[in-house]
Amino acid sequence: MGFTSELWESGAATYERIRVHPFVQGLTSGDLDRAAFRHYIAQDSHYLREYARALNVVAAKAPTPEGTALFGEHATNANAVERALHAGFLDELGGVDQPASPTTVAYTNFLLATAHTGSFAEGLAAVLPCYWIYARVGADLVDRSSPDPLYARWIATYGGDGFQKIVDDVLTVTDRHAEGLGPAERAAMLHHYATAARYEWMFWDAAHRRETWPIPLA
């Protein structure tokens, strides 16, 4: 592994905090409050729509046709997963009309702003934690599962080698592209990756707190 090992290290402490977060622990123990889970699924639906938009921007800036095709396909997949959340969980749990929370808005705005105003490398670094940390947390959840049937069913969606192959493809693209970058560009990638990793923790934490806007819209 090349530069991606440095990227992982920049967010490794954050990943450990996600892994032991009460929300994640509550999934595997079965003790997680249903309202917190509903909040997470509803916010993930909002997030995935905006994440797909960020991926499309990254695809447009990719320096190779293969990169454009890869991230364009991933954007399409993110939209498909968002629709599946409605069919598989949101319609069952309710909360479809829940607005995007402050953390969801902040995270997706960061992704879109970085993808639009930064280089391909910067946008790639910003979207990478969602791939990589999600896969690592998912593998841990699959190993432990849950005594709660609903949570076990959701955790099972992490199963299989398909998503890990997607992550591996993105890591390969990242390492190859980073080989031609200078210190300043690599530093920017490290900054964006670490920032997005922190937003990943904030996303789990916001769901656990069932975060809402302190001042509602009129």
Protein backbone atom coordinates (compact mmCIF):
# COMPACT_ATOMS: atom_id res chain seq x y z
CA MET A 1 0.00 0.00 0.00
CA GLY A 2 1.34 3.43 -0.94
CA PHE A 3 0.07 6.87 0.03
CA THR A 4 -3.25 5.43 1.18
CA SER A 5 -1.44 4.06 4.26
CA GLU A 6 -0.68 7.66 5.23
CA LEU A 7 -4.28 8.63 4.59
CA TRP A 8 -5.52 5.83 6.84
CA GLU A 9 -3.15 6.86 9.62
CA SER A 10 -4.47 10.43 9.46
CA GLY A 11 -7.91 9.12 10.42
CA ALA A 12 -7.02 5.96 12.36
CA ALA A 13 -7.77 7.41 15.79
CA THR A 14 -11.13 8.63 14.53
CA TYR A 15 -11.93 5.18 13.15
CA GLU A 16 -11.23 3.64 16.57
CA ARG A 17 -13.65 6.09 18.15
CA ILE A 18 -16.31 5.12 15.61
CA ARG A 19 -15.75 1.41 16.25
CA VAL A 20 -16.46 1.79 19.98
CA HIS A 21 -19.18 4.44 19.66
CA PRO A 22 -22.34 3.66 21.69
CA PHE A 23 -24.41 3.65 18.50
CA VAL A 24 -22.25 0.95 16.91
CA GLN A 25 -22.04 -1.00 20.16
CA GLY A 26 -25.81 -0.74 20.54
CA LEU A 27 -26.35 -2.26 17.12
CA THR A 28 -24.41 -5.39 18.01
CA SER A 29 -25.81 -5.70 21.54
CA GLY A 30 -29.37 -5.12 20.30
CA ASP A 31 -29.85 -2.32 22.83
CA LEU A 32 -29.84 0.60 20.39
CA ASP A 33 -32.95 2.75 20.64
CA ARG A 34 -35.19 2.32 17.58
CA ALA A 35 -35.56 6.09 17.29
CA ALA A 36 -31.79 6.48 16.95
CA PHE A 37 -31.68 3.78 14.27
CA ARG A 38 -34.57 5.41 12.39
CA HIS A 39 -32.73 8.73 12.58
CA TYR A 40 -29.58 7.14 11.16
CA ILE A 41 -31.37 5.49 8.24
CA ALA A 42 -33.28 8.67 7.38
CA GLN A 43 -30.11 10.76 7.50
CA ASP A 44 -28.21 8.18 5.45
CA SER A 45 -30.84 8.53 2.76
CA HIS A 46 -30.22 12.30 2.63
CA TYR A 47 -26.48 11.75 2.73
CA LEU A 48 -26.34 9.24 -0.10
CA ARG A 49 -28.16 11.54 -2.51
CA GLU A 50 -25.59 14.28 -1.94
CA TYR A 51 -22.68 11.82 -1.84
CA ALA A 52 -23.70 10.62 -5.30
CA ARG A 53 -23.53 14.21 -6.53
CA ALA A 54 -20.02 14.58 -5.09
CA LEU A 55 -18.96 11.33 -6.75
CA ASN A 56 -20.22 12.61 -10.08
CA VAL A 57 -18.02 15.69 -9.71
CA VAL A 58 -15.02 13.50 -8.84
CA ALA A 59 -15.82 11.38 -11.90
CA ALA A 60 -15.89 14.47 -14.12
CA LYS A 61 -12.44 15.54 -12.87
CA ALA A 62 -10.84 12.10 -13.12
CA PRO A 63 -7.73 12.23 -15.34
CA THR A 64 -8.46 8.89 -17.03
CA PRO A 65 -11.53 7.42 -18.76
CA GLU A 66 -11.33 4.48 -16.37
CA GLY A 67 -11.56 6.81 -13.37
CA THR A 68 -14.51 8.65 -14.86
CA ALA A 69 -16.31 5.35 -15.45
CA LEU A 70 -15.47 4.03 -11.98
CA PHE A 71 -16.75 6.98 -9.98
CA GLY A 72 -19.71 7.51 -12.28
CA GLU A 73 -20.75 3.92 -11.63
CA HIS A 74 -20.32 4.41 -7.89
CA ALA A 75 -22.55 7.50 -8.01
CA THR A 76 -25.25 5.44 -9.71
CA ASN A 77 -24.83 2.74 -7.07
CA ALA A 78 -25.16 5.28 -4.24
CA ASN A 79 -28.50 6.42 -5.65
CA ALA A 80 -29.64 2.80 -5.92
CA VAL A 81 -28.70 2.16 -2.28
CA GLU A 82 -30.65 5.26 -1.25
CA ARG A 83 -33.75 3.89 -2.97
CA ALA A 84 -33.19 0.50 -1.35
CA LEU A 85 -33.10 2.14 2.09
CA HIS A 86 -36.61 3.41 1.49
CA ALA A 87 -37.87 0.05 0.28
CA GLY A 88 -36.10 -2.02 2.92
CA PHE A 89 -36.06 0.09 6.08
CA LEU A 90 -37.43 3.64 5.94
CA ASP A 91 -40.91 2.64 4.83
CA GLU A 92 -40.93 0.08 7.65
CA LEU A 93 -39.56 2.44 10.30
CA GLY A 94 -41.25 5.66 9.26
CA GLY A 95 -39.43 8.98 9.38
CA VAL A 96 -39.28 9.40 5.61
CA ASP A 97 -40.03 13.13 5.89
CA GLN A 98 -37.28 13.83 8.44
CA PRO A 99 -35.20 16.79 7.22
CA ALA A 100 -31.44 16.60 6.86
CA SER A 101 -29.80 17.25 10.23
CA PRO A 102 -27.14 19.94 10.83
CA THR A 103 -24.38 17.32 10.72
CA THR A 104 -25.70 15.80 7.50
CA VAL A 105 -25.86 19.23 5.87
CA ALA A 106 -22.37 20.16 7.09
CA TYR A 107 -20.82 16.88 5.95
CA THR A 108 -22.40 16.87 2.50
CA ASN A 109 -21.64 20.56 1.99
CA PHE A 110 -17.99 19.81 2.79
CA LEU A 111 -17.93 16.97 0.27
CA LEU A 112 -19.58 18.99 -2.49
CA ALA A 113 -17.47 22.11 -1.87
CA THR A 114 -14.23 20.11 -1.87
CA ALA A 115 -15.20 18.17 -4.98
CA HIS A 116 -16.26 21.30 -6.88
CA THR A 117 -13.47 23.70 -5.85
CA GLY A 118 -10.57 21.31 -5.34
CA SER A 119 -8.56 19.10 -7.63
CA PHE A 120 -9.43 15.52 -8.48
CA ALA A 121 -7.02 14.42 -5.73
CA GLU A 122 -8.70 16.62 -3.12
CA GLY A 123 -12.18 15.46 -4.02
CA LEU A 124 -11.01 11.86 -3.98
CA ALA A 125 -9.52 12.25 -0.51
CA ALA A 126 -12.75 13.78 0.78
CA VAL A 127 -15.01 10.98 -0.49
CA LEU A 128 -12.60 8.16 0.46
CA PRO A 129 -13.46 7.81 4.19
CA CYS A 130 -17.07 6.96 3.37
CA TYR A 131 -15.81 4.03 1.30
CA TRP A 132 -13.02 2.86 3.57
CA ILE A 133 -14.27 3.48 7.11
CA TYR A 134 -17.73 2.20 6.15
CA ALA A 135 -16.12 -1.04 4.91
CA ARG A 136 -14.00 -1.47 8.06
CA VAL A 137 -16.90 -0.77 10.43
CA GLY A 138 -19.13 -2.98 8.32
CA ALA A 139 -16.73 -5.93 8.50
CA ASP A 140 -16.63 -5.58 12.28
CA LEU A 141 -20.43 -5.44 12.49
CA VAL A 142 -20.82 -8.51 10.28
CA ASP A 143 -18.45 -10.46 12.52
CA ARG A 144 -20.59 -9.65 15.58
CA SER A 145 -24.11 -9.34 14.05
CA SER A 146 -26.96 -8.57 16.49
CA PRO A 147 -29.62 -10.39 18.52
CA ASP A 148 -32.15 -7.85 17.24
CA PRO A 149 -33.65 -9.16 13.96
CA LEU A 150 -33.98 -5.71 12.38
CA TYR A 151 -30.42 -4.70 13.21
CA ALA A 152 -29.12 -8.11 12.10
CA ARG A 153 -30.90 -7.67 8.76
CA TRP A 154 -29.36 -4.23 8.28
CA ILE A 155 -25.89 -5.45 9.29
CA ALA A 156 -26.20 -8.31 6.79
CA THR A 157 -26.30 -5.75 3.97
CA TYR A 158 -22.59 -5.20 4.67
CA GLY A 159 -21.86 -8.86 3.88
CA GLY A 160 -20.08 -10.24 0.84
CA ASP A 161 -16.93 -9.31 -1.00
CA GLY A 162 -18.56 -6.93 -3.46
CA PHE A 163 -18.17 -3.74 -1.45
CA GLN A 164 -14.60 -4.55 -0.43
CA LYS A 165 -13.73 -4.95 -4.12
CA ILE A 166 -15.15 -1.47 -4.73
CA VAL A 167 -13.01 -0.07 -1.90
CA ASP A 168 -9.90 -1.84 -3.19
CA ASP A 169 -10.45 -0.34 -6.65
CA VAL A 170 -10.68 3.16 -5.18
CA LEU A 171 -7.56 2.63 -3.07
CA THR A 172 -5.66 1.51 -6.16
CA VAL A 173 -6.74 4.65 -8.05
CA THR A 174 -5.73 6.79 -5.07
CA ASP A 175 -2.26 5.29 -4.75
CA ARG A 176 -1.58 5.56 -8.47
CA HIS A 177 -2.70 9.17 -8.66
CA ALA A 178 -0.76 10.17 -5.54
CA GLU A 179 2.51 8.94 -7.07
CA GLY A 180 2.63 12.01 -9.29
CA LEU A 181 1.70 14.56 -6.63
CA GLY A 182 3.94 16.98 -4.77
CA PRO A 183 4.09 17.61 -0.99
CA ALA A 184 1.48 20.39 -1.03
CA GLU A 185 -1.09 18.31 -2.88
CA ARG A 186 -0.49 15.33 -0.62
CA ALA A 187 -0.86 17.54 2.44
CA ALA A 188 -4.21 18.77 1.10
CA MET A 189 -5.34 15.18 0.61
CA LEU A 190 -4.37 14.28 4.18
CA HIS A 191 -6.29 17.29 5.50
CA HIS A 192 -9.45 16.49 3.53
CA TYR A 193 -9.33 12.79 4.42
CA ALA A 194 -8.92 13.51 8.14
CA THR A 195 -11.74 16.07 8.02
CA ALA A 196 -14.12 13.66 6.31
CA ALA A 197 -13.18 10.93 8.80
CA ARG A 198 -14.22 13.24 11.63
CA TYR A 199 -17.50 13.89 9.86
CA GLU A 200 -18.00 10.12 9.70
CA TRP A 201 -17.79 9.98 13.51
CA MET A 202 -20.08 12.99 13.81
CA PHE A 203 -22.64 11.28 11.58
CA TRP A 204 -22.90 8.24 13.90
CA ASP A 205 -22.92 10.50 16.95
CA ALA A 206 -25.64 12.75 15.54
CA ALA A 207 -27.84 9.70 14.97
CA HIS A 208 -27.22 8.51 18.53
CA ARG A 209 -28.28 11.94 19.82
CA ARG A 210 -31.14 12.14 17.26
CA GLU A 211 -29.82 15.55 16.31
CA THR A 212 -32.30 18.15 15.09
CA TRP A 213 -32.08 21.82 14.25
CA PRO A 214 -32.18 23.90 17.47
CA ILE A 215 -34.21 26.58 15.70
CA PRO A 216 -36.81 25.11 13.31
CA LEU A 217 -37.62 26.71 9.99
CA ALA A 218 -40.68 28.96 10.10
